[in-house]
Amino acid sequence: AYQDPGVLPLYKHLVVSGAWWDLVDSLATKRIGPLVRAYPV
């Protein structure tokens, strides 16, 4: 239920502070991608 636009700042923090492919790629394809498809506008 928390997978909505309000969670994007959290994921942004994880990406910027993680700053390496094994973390970033998983966040991009498994978390952020589905989120953008659910809330494209």
Full PDB file with SEQRES, HELIX, SHEET, SSBOND, CRYST1, ORIGX, SCALE, CONECT and MASTER records, all heavy atoms in Angstrom:
SEQRES   1 A   41  ALA TYR GLN ASP PRO GLY VAL LEU PRO LEU TYR LYS HIS          
SEQRES   2 A   41  LEU VAL VAL SER GLY ALA TRP TRP ASP LEU VAL ASP SER          
SEQRES   3 A   41  LEU ALA THR LYS ARG ILE GLY PRO LEU VAL ARG ALA TYR          
SEQRES   4 A   41  PRO VAL                                                      
HELIX    1 AA1 PRO A    5  VAL A    7  5                                   3    
HELIX    2 AA2 LEU A    8  GLY A   18  1                                  11    
HELIX    3 AA3 TRP A   21  SER A   26  1                                   6    
HELIX    4 AA4 LEU A   27  ILE A   32  3                                   6    
HELIX    5 AA5 GLY A   33  ALA A   38  1                                   6    
CRYST1    1.000    1.000    1.000  90.00  90.00  90.00 P 1           1          
ORIGX1      1.000000  0.000000  0.000000        0.00000                         
ORIGX2      0.000000  1.000000  0.000000        0.00000                         
ORIGX3      0.000000  0.000000  1.000000        0.00000                         
SCALE1      1.000000  0.000000  0.000000        0.00000                         
SCALE2      0.000000  1.000000  0.000000        0.00000                         
SCALE3      0.000000  0.000000  1.000000        0.00000                         
ATOM      1  N   ALA A   1       0.812  -1.218   0.000  1.00  0.00           N  
ATOM      2  CA  ALA A   1       0.000   0.000   0.000  1.00  0.00           C  
ATOM      3  C   ALA A   1       0.845   1.267   0.000  1.00  0.00           C  
ATOM      4  O   ALA A   1       0.357   2.349  -0.343  1.00  0.00           O  
ATOM      5  CB  ALA A   1      -0.929   0.013   1.213  1.00  0.00           C  
ATOM      6  N   TYR A   2       2.113   1.151   0.379  1.00  0.00           N  
ATOM      7  CA  TYR A   2       2.979   2.320   0.432  1.00  0.00           C  
ATOM      8  C   TYR A   2       3.676   2.600  -0.895  1.00  0.00           C  
ATOM      9  O   TYR A   2       4.457   3.555  -1.000  1.00  0.00           O  
ATOM     10  CB  TYR A   2       4.044   2.139   1.524  1.00  0.00           C  
ATOM     11  CG  TYR A   2       3.479   1.837   2.896  1.00  0.00           C  
ATOM     12  CD1 TYR A   2       4.203   1.075   3.823  1.00  0.00           C  
ATOM     13  CD2 TYR A   2       2.214   2.288   3.285  1.00  0.00           C  
ATOM     14  CE1 TYR A   2       3.692   0.797   5.084  1.00  0.00           C  
ATOM     15  CE2 TYR A   2       1.687   1.999   4.539  1.00  0.00           C  
ATOM     16  CZ  TYR A   2       2.431   1.251   5.429  1.00  0.00           C  
ATOM     17  OH  TYR A   2       1.920   0.968   6.670  1.00  0.00           O  
ATOM     18  N   GLN A   3       3.404   1.761  -1.890  1.00  0.00           N  
ATOM     19  CA  GLN A   3       4.021   1.954  -3.204  1.00  0.00           C  
ATOM     20  C   GLN A   3       3.204   2.972  -3.996  1.00  0.00           C  
ATOM     21  O   GLN A   3       2.383   2.634  -4.844  1.00  0.00           O  
ATOM     22  CB  GLN A   3       4.119   0.624  -3.950  1.00  0.00           C  
ATOM     23  CG  GLN A   3       4.936  -0.432  -3.232  1.00  0.00           C  
ATOM     24  CD  GLN A   3       6.370  -0.023  -2.991  1.00  0.00           C  
ATOM     25  OE1 GLN A   3       6.995   0.619  -3.831  1.00  0.00           O  
ATOM     26  NE2 GLN A   3       6.914  -0.391  -1.842  1.00  0.00           N  
ATOM     27  N   ASP A   4       3.424   4.222  -3.684  1.00  0.00           N  
ATOM     28  CA  ASP A   4       2.739   5.324  -4.354  1.00  0.00           C  
ATOM     29  C   ASP A   4       3.746   6.444  -4.572  1.00  0.00           C  
ATOM     30  O   ASP A   4       4.910   6.323  -4.155  1.00  0.00           O  
ATOM     31  CB  ASP A   4       1.519   5.783  -3.538  1.00  0.00           C  
ATOM     32  CG  ASP A   4       1.888   6.263  -2.136  1.00  0.00           C  
ATOM     33  OD1 ASP A   4       2.983   6.853  -1.965  1.00  0.00           O  
ATOM     34  OD2 ASP A   4       1.092   6.054  -1.207  1.00  0.00           O  
ATOM     35  N   PRO A   5       3.368   7.546  -5.216  1.00  0.00           N  
ATOM     36  CA  PRO A   5       4.360   8.595  -5.514  1.00  0.00           C  
ATOM     37  C   PRO A   5       5.097   9.120  -4.290  1.00  0.00           C  
ATOM     38  O   PRO A   5       6.234   9.594  -4.406  1.00  0.00           O  
ATOM     39  CB  PRO A   5       3.517   9.678  -6.177  1.00  0.00           C  
ATOM     40  CG  PRO A   5       2.424   8.917  -6.871  1.00  0.00           C  
ATOM     41  CD  PRO A   5       2.079   7.804  -5.907  1.00  0.00           C  
ATOM     42  N   GLY A   6       4.495   9.005  -3.123  1.00  0.00           N  
ATOM     43  CA  GLY A   6       5.132   9.511  -1.924  1.00  0.00           C  
ATOM     44  C   GLY A   6       6.382   8.766  -1.509  1.00  0.00           C  
ATOM     45  O   GLY A   6       7.174   9.275  -0.698  1.00  0.00           O  
ATOM     46  N   VAL A   7       6.594   7.572  -2.073  1.00  0.00           N  
ATOM     47  CA  VAL A   7       7.773   6.793  -1.698  1.00  0.00           C  
ATOM     48  C   VAL A   7       8.995   7.125  -2.566  1.00  0.00           C  
ATOM     49  O   VAL A   7      10.107   6.708  -2.260  1.00  0.00           O  
ATOM     50  CB  VAL A   7       7.455   5.279  -1.765  1.00  0.00           C  
ATOM     51  CG1 VAL A   7       7.506   4.767  -3.206  1.00  0.00           C  
ATOM     52  CG2 VAL A   7       8.415   4.469  -0.896  1.00  0.00           C  
ATOM     53  N   LEU A   8       8.798   7.892  -3.628  1.00  0.00           N  
ATOM     54  CA  LEU A   8       9.920   8.164  -4.537  1.00  0.00           C  
ATOM     55  C   LEU A   8      11.099   8.872  -3.848  1.00  0.00           C  
ATOM     56  O   LEU A   8      12.252   8.531  -4.141  1.00  0.00           O  
ATOM     57  CB  LEU A   8       9.450   8.966  -5.752  1.00  0.00           C  
ATOM     58  CG  LEU A   8      10.478   9.047  -6.893  1.00  0.00           C  
ATOM     59  CD1 LEU A   8      10.723   7.663  -7.493  1.00  0.00           C  
ATOM     60  CD2 LEU A   8      10.009  10.018  -7.984  1.00  0.00           C  
ATOM     61  N   PRO A   9      10.871   9.837  -2.949  1.00  0.00           N  
ATOM     62  CA  PRO A   9      12.031  10.441  -2.272  1.00  0.00           C  
ATOM     63  C   PRO A   9      12.874   9.426  -1.498  1.00  0.00           C  
ATOM     64  O   PRO A   9      14.100   9.548  -1.448  1.00  0.00           O  
ATOM     65  CB  PRO A   9      11.394  11.478  -1.341  1.00  0.00           C  
ATOM     66  CG  PRO A   9      10.115  11.849  -2.014  1.00  0.00           C  
ATOM     67  CD  PRO A   9       9.626  10.562  -2.625  1.00  0.00           C  
ATOM     68  N   LEU A  10      12.226   8.434  -0.903  1.00  0.00           N  
ATOM     69  CA  LEU A  10      12.972   7.375  -0.220  1.00  0.00           C  
ATOM     70  C   LEU A  10      13.845   6.627  -1.213  1.00  0.00           C  
ATOM     71  O   LEU A  10      15.044   6.402  -0.977  1.00  0.00           O  
ATOM     72  CB  LEU A  10      12.013   6.411   0.466  1.00  0.00           C  
ATOM     73  CG  LEU A  10      12.643   5.115   1.017  1.00  0.00           C  
ATOM     74  CD1 LEU A  10      13.638   5.427   2.135  1.00  0.00           C  
ATOM     75  CD2 LEU A  10      11.557   4.151   1.498  1.00  0.00           C  
ATOM     76  N   TYR A  11      13.259   6.230  -2.339  1.00  0.00           N  
ATOM     77  CA  TYR A  11      14.022   5.488  -3.333  1.00  0.00           C  
ATOM     78  C   TYR A  11      15.139   6.339  -3.921  1.00  0.00           C  
ATOM     79  O   TYR A  11      16.226   5.833  -4.223  1.00  0.00           O  
ATOM     80  CB  TYR A  11      13.088   4.978  -4.428  1.00  0.00           C  
ATOM     81  CG  TYR A  11      12.165   3.873  -3.964  1.00  0.00           C  
ATOM     82  CD1 TYR A  11      10.994   3.566  -4.658  1.00  0.00           C  
ATOM     83  CD2 TYR A  11      12.444   3.134  -2.823  1.00  0.00           C  
ATOM     84  CE1 TYR A  11      10.145   2.544  -4.235  1.00  0.00           C  
ATOM     85  CE2 TYR A  11      11.609   2.125  -2.389  1.00  0.00           C  
ATOM     86  CZ  TYR A  11      10.465   1.832  -3.100  1.00  0.00           C  
ATOM     87  OH  TYR A  11       9.627   0.830  -2.665  1.00  0.00           O  
ATOM     88  N   LYS A  12      14.889   7.625  -4.082  1.00  0.00           N  
ATOM     89  CA  LYS A  12      15.953   8.519  -4.578  1.00  0.00           C  
ATOM     90  C   LYS A  12      17.122   8.525  -3.606  1.00  0.00           C  
ATOM     91  O   LYS A  12      18.293   8.469  -4.025  1.00  0.00           O  
ATOM     92  CB  LYS A  12      15.398   9.929  -4.769  1.00  0.00           C  
ATOM     93  CG  LYS A  12      16.430  10.919  -5.312  1.00  0.00           C  
ATOM     94  CD  LYS A  12      15.819  12.297  -5.524  1.00  0.00           C  
ATOM     95  CE  LYS A  12      16.840  13.263  -6.109  1.00  0.00           C  
ATOM     96  NZ  LYS A  12      16.248  14.620  -6.314  1.00  0.00           N  
ATOM     97  N   HIS A  13      16.829   8.589  -2.322  1.00  0.00           N  
ATOM     98  CA  HIS A  13      17.896   8.553  -1.311  1.00  0.00           C  
ATOM     99  C   HIS A  13      18.691   7.251  -1.408  1.00  0.00           C  
ATOM    100  O   HIS A  13      19.927   7.276  -1.321  1.00  0.00           O  
ATOM    101  CB  HIS A  13      17.292   8.696   0.088  1.00  0.00           C  
ATOM    102  CG  HIS A  13      18.273   8.407   1.187  1.00  0.00           C  
ATOM    103  ND1 HIS A  13      19.256   9.302   1.571  1.00  0.00           N  
ATOM    104  CD2 HIS A  13      18.436   7.301   1.973  1.00  0.00           C  
ATOM    105  CE1 HIS A  13      19.977   8.772   2.546  1.00  0.00           C  
ATOM    106  NE2 HIS A  13      19.511   7.559   2.806  1.00  0.00           N  
ATOM    107  N   LEU A  14      18.000   6.131  -1.579  1.00  0.00           N  
ATOM    108  CA  LEU A  14      18.690   4.854  -1.667  1.00  0.00           C  
ATOM    109  C   LEU A  14      19.593   4.800  -2.901  1.00  0.00           C  
ATOM    110  O   LEU A  14      20.715   4.284  -2.840  1.00  0.00           O  
ATOM    111  CB  LEU A  14      17.686   3.704  -1.701  1.00  0.00           C  
ATOM    112  CG  LEU A  14      16.712   3.576  -0.512  1.00  0.00           C  
ATOM    113  CD1 LEU A  14      15.893   2.296  -0.624  1.00  0.00           C  
ATOM    114  CD2 LEU A  14      17.439   3.625   0.820  1.00  0.00           C  
ATOM    115  N   VAL A  15      19.115   5.334  -4.006  1.00  0.00           N  
ATOM    116  CA  VAL A  15      19.918   5.347  -5.234  1.00  0.00           C  
ATOM    117  C   VAL A  15      21.172   6.200  -5.065  1.00  0.00           C  
ATOM    118  O   VAL A  15      22.290   5.770  -5.358  1.00  0.00           O  
ATOM    119  CB  VAL A  15      19.084   5.863  -6.423  1.00  0.00           C  
ATOM    120  CG1 VAL A  15      19.977   6.139  -7.637  1.00  0.00           C  
ATOM    121  CG2 VAL A  15      17.993   4.860  -6.795  1.00  0.00           C  
ATOM    122  N   VAL A  16      20.984   7.421  -4.586  1.00  0.00           N  
ATOM    123  CA  VAL A  16      22.105   8.362  -4.495  1.00  0.00           C  
ATOM    124  C   VAL A  16      23.133   7.889  -3.475  1.00  0.00           C  
ATOM    125  O   VAL A  16      24.354   7.992  -3.704  1.00  0.00           O  
ATOM    126  CB  VAL A  16      21.592   9.772  -4.142  1.00  0.00           C  
ATOM    127  CG1 VAL A  16      22.750  10.720  -3.846  1.00  0.00           C  
ATOM    128  CG2 VAL A  16      20.739  10.319  -5.283  1.00  0.00           C  
ATOM    129  N   SER A  17      22.684   7.352  -2.362  1.00  0.00           N  
ATOM    130  CA  SER A  17      23.618   6.910  -1.329  1.00  0.00           C  
ATOM    131  C   SER A  17      24.174   5.517  -1.611  1.00  0.00           C  
ATOM    132  O   SER A  17      25.275   5.186  -1.170  1.00  0.00           O  
ATOM    133  CB  SER A  17      22.944   6.931   0.047  1.00  0.00           C  
ATOM    134  OG  SER A  17      21.784   6.119   0.069  1.00  0.00           O  
ATOM    135  N   GLY A  18      23.420   4.703  -2.375  1.00  0.00           N  
ATOM    136  CA  GLY A  18      23.903   3.371  -2.752  1.00  0.00           C  
ATOM    137  C   GLY A  18      24.969   3.434  -3.817  1.00  0.00           C  
ATOM    138  O   GLY A  18      26.029   2.818  -3.712  1.00  0.00           O  
ATOM    139  N   ALA A  19      24.696   4.185  -4.865  1.00  0.00           N  
ATOM    140  CA  ALA A  19      25.684   4.563  -5.886  1.00  0.00           C  
ATOM    141  C   ALA A  19      26.544   3.404  -6.390  1.00  0.00           C  
ATOM    142  O   ALA A  19      27.746   3.547  -6.542  1.00  0.00           O  
ATOM    143  CB  ALA A  19      26.564   5.698  -5.358  1.00  0.00           C  
ATOM    144  N   TRP A  20      25.914   2.256  -6.626  1.00  0.00           N  
ATOM    145  CA  TRP A  20      26.622   1.156  -7.276  1.00  0.00           C  
ATOM    146  C   TRP A  20      25.608   0.251  -7.943  1.00  0.00           C  
ATOM    147  O   TRP A  20      24.448   0.170  -7.553  1.00  0.00           O  
ATOM    148  CB  TRP A  20      27.492   0.392  -6.284  1.00  0.00           C  
ATOM    149  CG  TRP A  20      28.558  -0.425  -6.964  1.00  0.00           C  
ATOM    150  CD1 TRP A  20      28.713  -1.772  -6.921  1.00  0.00           C  
ATOM    151  CD2 TRP A  20      29.608   0.048  -7.821  1.00  0.00           C  
ATOM    152  NE1 TRP A  20      29.797  -2.177  -7.676  1.00  0.00           N  
ATOM    153  CE2 TRP A  20      30.367  -1.073  -8.252  1.00  0.00           C  
ATOM    154  CE3 TRP A  20      29.976   1.319  -8.275  1.00  0.00           C  
ATOM    155  CZ2 TRP A  20      31.471  -0.956  -9.110  1.00  0.00           C  
ATOM    156  CZ3 TRP A  20      31.074   1.417  -9.127  1.00  0.00           C  
ATOM    157  CH2 TRP A  20      31.800   0.300  -9.524  1.00  0.00           C  
ATOM    158  N   TRP A  21      26.046  -0.470  -8.981  1.00  0.00           N  
ATOM    159  CA  TRP A  21      25.118  -1.123  -9.895  1.00  0.00           C  
ATOM    160  C   TRP A  21      24.228  -2.174  -9.242  1.00  0.00           C  
ATOM    161  O   TRP A  21      23.050  -2.308  -9.605  1.00  0.00           O  
ATOM    162  CB  TRP A  21      25.874  -1.735 -11.076  1.00  0.00           C  
ATOM    163  CG  TRP A  21      26.825  -2.832 -10.705  1.00  0.00           C  
ATOM    164  CD1 TRP A  21      28.148  -2.701 -10.426  1.00  0.00           C  
ATOM    165  CD2 TRP A  21      26.534  -4.230 -10.565  1.00  0.00           C  
ATOM    166  NE1 TRP A  21      28.703  -3.925 -10.120  1.00  0.00           N  
ATOM    167  CE2 TRP A  21      27.741  -4.875 -10.200  1.00  0.00           C  
ATOM    168  CE3 TRP A  21      25.375  -4.995 -10.714  1.00  0.00           C  
ATOM    169  CZ2 TRP A  21      27.798  -6.258  -9.981  1.00  0.00           C  
ATOM    170  CZ3 TRP A  21      25.435  -6.363 -10.493  1.00  0.00           C  
ATOM    171  CH2 TRP A  21      26.637  -6.987 -10.132  1.00  0.00           C  
ATOM    172  N   ASP A  22      24.752  -2.962  -8.295  1.00  0.00           N  
ATOM    173  CA  ASP A  22      23.936  -4.040  -7.750  1.00  0.00           C  
ATOM    174  C   ASP A  22      22.752  -3.506  -6.956  1.00  0.00           C  
ATOM    175  O   ASP A  22      21.672  -4.113  -6.941  1.00  0.00           O  
ATOM    176  CB  ASP A  22      24.774  -4.982  -6.876  1.00  0.00           C  
ATOM    177  CG  ASP A  22      25.373  -4.301  -5.663  1.00  0.00           C  
ATOM    178  OD1 ASP A  22      25.861  -3.155  -5.807  1.00  0.00           O  
ATOM    179  OD2 ASP A  22      25.374  -4.899  -4.566  1.00  0.00           O  
ATOM    180  N   LEU A  23      22.925  -2.355  -6.328  1.00  0.00           N  
ATOM    181  CA  LEU A  23      21.848  -1.727  -5.579  1.00  0.00           C  
ATOM    182  C   LEU A  23      20.951  -0.906  -6.497  1.00  0.00           C  
ATOM    183  O   LEU A  23      19.723  -1.030  -6.474  1.00  0.00           O  
ATOM    184  CB  LEU A  23      22.431  -0.831  -4.479  1.00  0.00           C  
ATOM    185  CG  LEU A  23      23.383  -1.508  -3.488  1.00  0.00           C  
ATOM    186  CD1 LEU A  23      24.031  -0.471  -2.575  1.00  0.00           C  
ATOM    187  CD2 LEU A  23      22.653  -2.559  -2.662  1.00  0.00           C  
ATOM    188  N   VAL A  24      21.564  -0.080  -7.314  1.00  0.00           N  
ATOM    189  CA  VAL A  24      20.817   0.842  -8.171  1.00  0.00           C  
ATOM    190  C   VAL A  24      19.960   0.110  -9.193  1.00  0.00           C  
ATOM    191  O   VAL A  24      18.794   0.461  -9.411  1.00  0.00           O  
ATOM    192  CB  VAL A  24      21.787   1.821  -8.868  1.00  0.00           C  
ATOM    193  CG1 VAL A  24      21.067   2.630  -9.952  1.00  0.00           C  
ATOM    194  CG2 VAL A  24      22.418   2.750  -7.840  1.00  0.00           C  
ATOM    195  N   ASP A  25      20.516  -0.915  -9.819  1.00  0.00           N  
ATOM    196  CA  ASP A  25      19.774  -1.604 -10.872  1.00  0.00           C  
ATOM    197  C   ASP A  25      18.551  -2.317 -10.319  1.00  0.00           C  
ATOM    198  O   ASP A  25      17.487  -2.350 -10.955  1.00  0.00           O  
ATOM    199  CB  ASP A  25      20.677  -2.596 -11.607  1.00  0.00           C  
ATOM    200  CG  ASP A  25      21.768  -1.904 -12.403  1.00  0.00           C  
ATOM    201  OD1 ASP A  25      21.825  -0.648 -12.379  1.00  0.00           O  
ATOM    202  OD2 ASP A  25      22.568  -2.602 -13.045  1.00  0.00           O  
ATOM    203  N   SER A  26      18.670  -2.899  -9.150  1.00  0.00           N  
ATOM    204  CA  SER A  26      17.526  -3.555  -8.526  1.00  0.00           C  
ATOM    205  C   SER A  26      16.454  -2.539  -8.154  1.00  0.00           C  
ATOM    206  O   SER A  26      15.252  -2.761  -8.390  1.00  0.00           O  
ATOM    207  CB  SER A  26      17.975  -4.330  -7.284  1.00  0.00           C  
ATOM    208  OG  SER A  26      16.892  -5.009  -6.693  1.00  0.00           O  
ATOM    209  N   LEU A  27      16.868  -1.421  -7.596  1.00  0.00           N  
ATOM    210  CA  LEU A  27      15.903  -0.373  -7.264  1.00  0.00           C  
ATOM    211  C   LEU A  27      15.214   0.152  -8.524  1.00  0.00           C  
ATOM    212  O   LEU A  27      14.002   0.377  -8.536  1.00  0.00           O  
ATOM    213  CB  LEU A  27      16.618   0.781  -6.544  1.00  0.00           C  
ATOM    214  CG  LEU A  27      17.054   0.510  -5.105  1.00  0.00           C  
ATOM    215  CD1 LEU A  27      18.086   1.540  -4.652  1.00  0.00           C  
ATOM    216  CD2 LEU A  27      15.852   0.508  -4.168  1.00  0.00           C  
ATOM    217  N   ALA A  28      15.987   0.319  -9.588  1.00  0.00           N  
ATOM    218  CA  ALA A  28      15.434   0.867 -10.827  1.00  0.00           C  
ATOM    219  C   ALA A  28      14.383  -0.047 -11.441  1.00  0.00           C  
ATOM    220  O   ALA A  28      13.288   0.391 -11.802  1.00  0.00           O  
ATOM    221  CB  ALA A  28      16.553   1.125 -11.826  1.00  0.00           C  
ATOM    222  N   THR A  29      14.713  -1.332 -11.565  1.00  0.00           N  
ATOM    223  CA  THR A  29      13.844  -2.244 -12.321  1.00  0.00           C  
ATOM    224  C   THR A  29      12.754  -2.893 -11.480  1.00  0.00           C  
ATOM    225  O   THR A  29      11.686  -3.221 -12.002  1.00  0.00           O  
ATOM    226  CB  THR A  29      14.688  -3.344 -12.985  1.00  0.00           C  
ATOM    227  OG1 THR A  29      15.410  -4.074 -11.971  1.00  0.00           O  
ATOM    228  CG2 THR A  29      15.690  -2.730 -13.960  1.00  0.00           C  
ATOM    229  N   LYS A  30      12.998  -3.057 -10.170  1.00  0.00           N  
ATOM    230  CA  LYS A  30      12.034  -3.765  -9.328  1.00  0.00           C  
ATOM    231  C   LYS A  30      11.175  -2.843  -8.472  1.00  0.00           C  
ATOM    232  O   LYS A  30      10.100  -3.246  -8.017  1.00  0.00           O  
ATOM    233  CB  LYS A  30      12.764  -4.759  -8.431  1.00  0.00           C  
ATOM    234  CG  LYS A  30      13.465  -5.864  -9.197  1.00  0.00           C  
ATOM    235  CD  LYS A  30      14.179  -6.820  -8.256  1.00  0.00           C  
ATOM    236  CE  LYS A  30      14.910  -7.911  -9.019  1.00  0.00           C  
ATOM    237  NZ  LYS A  30      15.648  -8.836  -8.108  1.00  0.00           N  
ATOM    238  N   ARG A  31      11.651  -1.640  -8.207  1.00  0.00           N  
ATOM    239  CA  ARG A  31      10.904  -0.727  -7.352  1.00  0.00           C  
ATOM    240  C   ARG A  31      10.416   0.494  -8.128  1.00  0.00           C  
ATOM    241  O   ARG A  31       9.232   0.780  -8.195  1.00  0.00           O  
ATOM    242  CB  ARG A  31      11.779  -0.276  -6.168  1.00  0.00           C  
ATOM    243  CG  ARG A  31      12.296  -1.410  -5.305  1.00  0.00           C  
ATOM    244  CD  ARG A  31      11.208  -2.045  -4.449  1.00  0.00           C  
ATOM    245  NE  ARG A  31      11.752  -3.186  -3.731  1.00  0.00           N  
ATOM    246  CZ  ARG A  31      11.648  -4.459  -4.153  1.00  0.00           C  
ATOM    247  NH1 ARG A  31      11.019  -4.729  -5.289  1.00  0.00           N  
ATOM    248  NH2 ARG A  31      12.168  -5.448  -3.448  1.00  0.00           N  
ATOM    249  N   ILE A  32      11.344   1.222  -8.724  1.00  0.00           N  
ATOM    250  CA  ILE A  32      10.987   2.491  -9.347  1.00  0.00           C  
ATOM    251  C   ILE A  32      10.237   2.288 -10.649  1.00  0.00           C  
ATOM    252  O   ILE A  32       9.243   2.985 -10.919  1.00  0.00           O  
ATOM    253  CB  ILE A  32      12.249   3.350  -9.545  1.00  0.00           C  
ATOM    254  CG1 ILE A  32      12.845   3.697  -8.166  1.00  0.00           C  
ATOM    255  CG2 ILE A  32      11.933   4.621 -10.326  1.00  0.00           C  
ATOM    256  CD1 ILE A  32      14.234   4.296  -8.211  1.00  0.00           C  
ATOM    257  N   GLY A  33      10.657   1.336 -11.461  1.00  0.00           N  
ATOM    258  CA  GLY A  33       9.967   1.089 -12.729  1.00  0.00           C  
ATOM    259  C   GLY A  33       8.483   0.778 -12.555  1.00  0.00           C  
ATOM    260  O   GLY A  33       7.626   1.437 -13.161  1.00  0.00           O  
ATOM    261  N   PRO A  34       8.137  -0.224 -11.740  1.00  0.00           N  
ATOM    262  CA  PRO A  34       6.717  -0.510 -11.517  1.00  0.00           C  
ATOM    263  C   PRO A  34       5.959   0.686 -10.941  1.00  0.00           C  
ATOM    264  O   PRO A  34       4.774   0.891 -11.256  1.00  0.00           O  
ATOM    265  CB  PRO A  34       6.760  -1.674 -10.521  1.00  0.00           C  
ATOM    266  CG  PRO A  34       8.060  -2.353 -10.800  1.00  0.00           C  
ATOM    267  CD  PRO A  34       9.012  -1.238 -11.124  1.00  0.00           C  
ATOM    268  N   LEU A  35       6.630   1.477 -10.111  1.00  0.00           N  
ATOM    269  CA  LEU A  35       5.991   2.648  -9.521  1.00  0.00           C  
ATOM    270  C   LEU A  35       5.639   3.678 -10.597  1.00  0.00           C  
ATOM    271  O   LEU A  35       4.531   4.229 -10.610  1.00  0.00           O  
ATOM    272  CB  LEU A  35       6.941   3.262  -8.487  1.00  0.00           C  
ATOM    273  CG  LEU A  35       6.380   4.262  -7.493  1.00  0.00           C  
ATOM    274  CD1 LEU A  35       5.342   3.620  -6.590  1.00  0.00           C  
ATOM    275  CD2 LEU A  35       7.516   4.850  -6.650  1.00  0.00           C  
ATOM    276  N   VAL A  36       6.573   3.921 -11.515  1.00  0.00           N  
ATOM    277  CA  VAL A  36       6.322   4.886 -12.592  1.00  0.00           C  
ATOM    278  C   VAL A  36       5.202   4.389 -13.499  1.00  0.00           C  
ATOM    279  O   VAL A  36       4.341   5.169 -13.934  1.00  0.00           O  
ATOM    280  CB  VAL A  36       7.611   5.147 -13.401  1.00  0.00           C  
ATOM    281  CG1 VAL A  36       7.322   6.038 -14.608  1.00  0.00           C  
ATOM    282  CG2 VAL A  36       8.672   5.789 -12.515  1.00  0.00           C  
ATOM    283  N   ARG A  37       5.176   3.089 -13.771  1.00  0.00           N  
ATOM    284  CA  ARG A  37       4.108   2.557 -14.627  1.00  0.00           C  
ATOM    285  C   ARG A  37       2.745   2.654 -13.947  1.00  0.00           C  
ATOM    286  O   ARG A  37       1.732   2.819 -14.622  1.00  0.00           O  
ATOM    287  CB  ARG A  37       4.423   1.110 -15.019  1.00  0.00           C  
ATOM    288  CG  ARG A  37       5.575   1.008 -16.006  1.00  0.00           C  
ATOM    289  CD  ARG A  37       5.710  -0.370 -16.608  1.00  0.00           C  
ATOM    290  NE  ARG A  37       6.246  -1.362 -15.688  1.00  0.00           N  
ATOM    291  CZ  ARG A  37       7.534  -1.496 -15.399  1.00  0.00           C  
ATOM    292  NH1 ARG A  37       8.425  -0.674 -15.934  1.00  0.00           N  
ATOM    293  NH2 ARG A  37       7.951  -2.454 -14.584  1.00  0.00           N  
ATOM    294  N   ALA A  38       2.741   2.570 -12.636  1.00  0.00           N  
ATOM    295  CA  ALA A  38       1.466   2.672 -11.909  1.00  0.00           C  
ATOM    296  C   ALA A  38       0.991   4.121 -11.797  1.00  0.00           C  
ATOM    297  O   ALA A  38      -0.215   4.370 -11.727  1.00  0.00           O  
ATOM    298  CB  ALA A  38       1.615   2.068 -10.519  1.00  0.00           C  
ATOM    299  N   TYR A  39       1.928   5.055 -11.793  1.00  0.00           N  
ATOM    300  CA  TYR A  39       1.590   6.481 -11.631  1.00  0.00           C  
ATOM    301  C   TYR A  39       2.330   7.315 -12.671  1.00  0.00           C  
ATOM    302  O   TYR A  39       3.172   8.152 -12.338  1.00  0.00           O  
ATOM    303  CB  TYR A  39       1.964   6.955 -10.223  1.00  0.00           C  
ATOM    304  CG  TYR A  39       1.241   6.236  -9.121  1.00  0.00           C  
ATOM    305  CD1 TYR A  39       1.814   5.124  -8.499  1.00  0.00           C  
ATOM    306  CD2 TYR A  39      -0.023   6.655  -8.694  1.00  0.00           C  
ATOM    307  CE1 TYR A  39       1.142   4.452  -7.483  1.00  0.00           C  
ATOM    308  CE2 TYR A  39      -0.704   5.996  -7.679  1.00  0.00           C  
ATOM    309  CZ  TYR A  39      -0.106   4.884  -7.083  1.00  0.00           C  
ATOM    310  OH  TYR A  39      -0.771   4.215  -6.076  1.00  0.00           O  
ATOM    311  N   PRO A  40       2.049   7.091 -13.945  1.00  0.00           N  
ATOM    312  CA  PRO A  40       2.825   7.766 -14.987  1.00  0.00           C  
ATOM    313  C   PRO A  40       2.691   9.283 -14.972  1.00  0.00           C  
ATOM    314  O   PRO A  40       3.690   9.994 -15.180  1.00  0.00           O  
ATOM    315  CB  PRO A  40       2.262   7.166 -16.282  1.00  0.00           C  
ATOM    316  CG  PRO A  40       0.893   6.664 -15.911  1.00  0.00           C  
ATOM    317  CD  PRO A  40       1.013   6.200 -14.500  1.00  0.00           C  
ATOM    318  N   VAL A  41       1.511   9.788 -14.751  1.00  0.00           N  
ATOM    319  CA  VAL A  41       1.322  11.249 -14.781  1.00  0.00           C  
ATOM    320  C   VAL A  41       2.142  11.919 -13.692  1.00  0.00           C  
ATOM    321  O   VAL A  41       2.799  12.945 -13.918  1.00  0.00           O  
ATOM    322  CB  VAL A  41      -0.178  11.596 -14.624  1.00  0.00           C  
ATOM    323  CG1 VAL A  41      -0.357  13.105 -14.501  1.00  0.00           C  
ATOM    324  CG2 VAL A  41      -0.971  11.068 -15.816  1.00  0.00           C  
TER     325      VAL A  41                                                      
MASTER        0    0    0    5    0    0    0    6  324    1    0    4          
END                                                                             
